[in-house]
Protein backbone atom coordinates (compact mmCIF):
# COMPACT_ATOMS: atom_id res chain seq x y z
CA MET A 1 -4.41 142.21 205.80
CA ALA A 2 -1.45 140.45 204.82
CA GLU A 3 -0.43 137.06 205.00
CA PRO A 4 0.19 135.69 208.39
CA ALA A 5 3.59 134.16 207.05
CA ALA A 6 4.61 137.71 205.43
CA GLU A 7 3.90 139.25 208.73
CA LEU A 8 5.73 137.21 210.71
CA ASP A 9 8.66 137.73 208.35
CA HIS A 10 8.44 141.20 208.96
CA VAL A 11 8.31 140.83 212.52
CA ARG A 12 11.57 138.91 212.62
CA ASP A 13 12.92 141.64 210.54
CA GLN A 14 12.06 144.39 212.48
CA VAL A 15 12.74 142.99 215.55
CA SER A 16 16.28 141.93 214.82
CA ARG A 17 16.69 145.66 213.19
CA VAL A 18 15.71 146.80 216.78
CA LEU A 19 18.08 144.82 218.15
CA SER A 20 21.34 145.32 215.99
CA GLU A 21 20.76 149.03 216.15
CA PHE A 22 20.48 148.25 220.18
CA LEU A 23 23.61 146.41 220.18
CA GLY A 24 25.50 148.93 217.96
CA ARG A 25 24.69 151.74 220.55
CA GLN A 26 25.96 149.54 223.09
CA ARG A 27 29.14 148.56 221.54
CA LYS A 28 29.74 152.61 220.95
CA LEU A 29 28.86 152.84 224.57
CA ALA A 30 31.43 150.09 225.57
CA ALA A 31 33.92 150.90 223.25
CA GLY A 32 33.95 154.63 225.03
CA ILE A 33 34.53 153.05 228.34
CA SER A 34 37.26 150.39 227.55
CA GLY A 35 37.99 148.05 224.50
CA GLU A 36 38.11 145.40 227.34
CA LEU A 37 34.02 145.38 227.20
CA LEU A 38 33.62 144.65 223.54
CA PRO A 39 34.12 140.75 224.05
CA ALA A 40 30.82 141.00 226.16
CA ILE A 41 29.12 142.90 223.36
CA ASP A 42 30.12 140.40 220.85
CA ALA A 43 28.99 137.44 223.23
CA VAL A 44 25.47 138.93 223.39
CA THR A 45 25.43 139.51 219.56
CA ASP A 46 26.35 135.99 218.96
CA VAL A 47 23.76 134.83 221.39
CA LEU A 48 20.91 136.76 219.55
CA ALA A 49 22.00 135.65 215.99
CA GLY A 50 19.46 133.61 214.56
CA GLY A 51 16.90 132.04 215.92
CA LYS A 52 13.07 131.62 215.21
CA ARG A 53 12.19 134.80 216.89
CA LEU A 54 9.53 132.73 218.52
CA ARG A 55 9.28 135.16 221.99
CA ALA A 56 8.88 137.98 219.68
CA ALA A 57 6.10 136.50 217.48
CA PHE A 58 4.09 135.73 220.51
CA CYS A 59 4.49 139.14 221.73
CA TYR A 60 3.38 140.76 218.76
CA TRP A 61 0.43 138.26 218.05
CA GLY A 62 -0.51 138.70 221.71
CA TRP A 63 -0.69 142.59 220.84
CA ARG A 64 -2.74 142.02 217.92
CA GLY A 65 -4.86 139.87 219.75
CA ALA A 66 -5.65 142.57 222.06
CA GLY A 67 -6.94 144.55 219.20
CA ALA A 68 -3.89 146.21 217.20
CA ASP A 69 -4.53 145.76 213.41
CA SER A 70 -1.25 147.18 212.00
CA ALA A 71 1.67 145.55 210.90
CA ASP A 72 3.94 148.33 211.36
CA GLY A 73 3.85 148.55 215.12
CA ALA A 74 0.86 151.58 215.36
CA PRO A 75 -2.06 150.45 217.18
CA GLY A 76 -5.13 150.88 214.89
CA GLY A 77 -3.60 151.19 211.56
CA ALA A 78 -0.82 153.50 209.76
CA GLY A 79 -2.10 156.65 211.40
CA GLY A 80 -2.35 155.17 214.77
CA ASP A 81 -4.86 156.38 216.95
CA ASP A 82 -5.44 157.31 220.89
CA ARG A 83 -4.16 153.94 221.96
CA ALA A 84 -0.84 154.69 219.91
CA GLY A 85 0.17 156.89 223.51
CA GLY A 86 0.99 159.65 221.36
CA ASP A 87 4.22 158.41 220.09
CA SER A 88 5.06 159.78 216.38
CA ARG A 89 5.03 157.06 213.44
CA ALA A 90 9.08 158.25 212.91
CA ASP A 91 9.47 156.89 216.51
CA ARG A 92 7.47 153.29 215.73
CA ASP A 93 9.28 153.19 212.45
CA SER A 94 12.83 153.56 214.10
CA GLY A 95 11.82 150.75 216.70
CA GLY A 96 9.70 151.85 218.74
CA GLY A 97 6.24 150.18 220.27
CA ILE A 98 5.76 146.52 219.61
CA PHE A 99 9.28 145.79 217.81
CA ALA A 100 10.97 147.26 221.10
CA ALA A 101 8.99 145.31 223.46
CA ALA A 102 9.35 141.94 221.23
CA ALA A 103 13.17 142.85 220.88
CA ALA A 104 13.41 143.31 224.87
CA LEU A 105 11.86 139.64 225.20
CA GLU A 106 14.76 138.54 223.25
CA LEU A 107 17.16 139.97 224.90
CA LEU A 108 15.77 138.46 228.32
CA HIS A 109 15.65 135.00 226.48
CA ALA A 110 19.40 135.52 225.46
CA GLY A 111 20.10 136.00 229.26
CA ALA A 112 18.23 133.07 230.19
CA LEU A 113 19.78 130.89 227.53
CA VAL A 114 23.36 131.97 228.98
CA HIS A 115 22.06 131.43 232.52
CA ASP A 116 20.99 128.07 231.74
CA ASP A 117 24.10 127.06 230.12
CA VAL A 118 26.08 127.96 232.98
CA LEU A 119 23.90 126.05 235.44
CA ASP A 120 24.05 123.06 232.82
CA ASP A 121 27.54 123.40 232.60
CA SER A 122 26.90 123.33 228.90
CA ASP A 123 29.94 123.65 226.26
CA THR A 124 28.07 124.30 223.21
CA ARG A 125 24.96 126.04 222.03
CA ARG A 126 23.79 125.63 218.36
CA GLY A 127 26.98 124.34 217.54
CA LYS A 128 29.47 126.83 219.27
CA PRO A 129 30.85 127.34 222.10
CA THR A 130 28.81 128.93 225.06
CA VAL A 131 29.46 132.29 226.39
CA HIS A 132 31.19 131.06 229.79
CA ARG A 133 33.23 128.56 228.00
CA LEU A 134 34.41 131.58 225.21
CA PHE A 135 35.16 133.42 228.28
CA ALA A 136 37.10 130.46 230.22
CA ALA A 137 38.90 130.01 226.86
CA ARG A 138 39.93 134.06 226.56
CA HIS A 139 41.40 133.92 230.27
CA ALA A 140 43.34 130.91 229.56
CA ALA A 141 44.61 132.18 226.36
CA SER A 142 45.92 135.33 228.02
CA GLY A 143 47.48 133.56 230.88
CA TRP A 144 45.71 135.72 233.66
CA ARG A 145 45.77 134.48 237.08
CA GLY A 146 43.40 132.23 238.55
CA THR A 147 41.53 129.42 237.68
CA ALA A 148 40.03 129.93 233.94
CA ALA A 149 36.61 127.81 234.42
CA PRO A 150 34.94 130.18 237.03
CA PHE A 151 36.27 133.12 235.07
CA GLY A 152 33.64 132.42 232.14
CA LYS A 153 30.96 131.94 234.98
């Protein structure tokens, strides 16, 4: 078994990779609809950047505590077993399994942070303007009709 700190780094790296791949797919999809959607993808990407990935670690270690014994996302070791649900190692290595579940928690948390910032009327998060402030500024800079502040919310 690897050292817990090394496994935690591995979890962070894998979850970040899954999130990056997901956001890349969403960016491509959004661009195909309208370039006007890209600032929303950028905002989500910024909210997800950095962070300690504690929720992902809790997810991973809970999974391990429930009987999984592999750092690569395969229950029962590198070869997997019946608990793996029949998924292939290629699926797991491309972000399936535990890392996808942990990444989903990070997405959920990012949404909660944006919501919290709106409710608290916060100006910044981690030293940067909050999402609703960014969109309000975009509204104002574009000279669009209506009041900028509610646009961001």
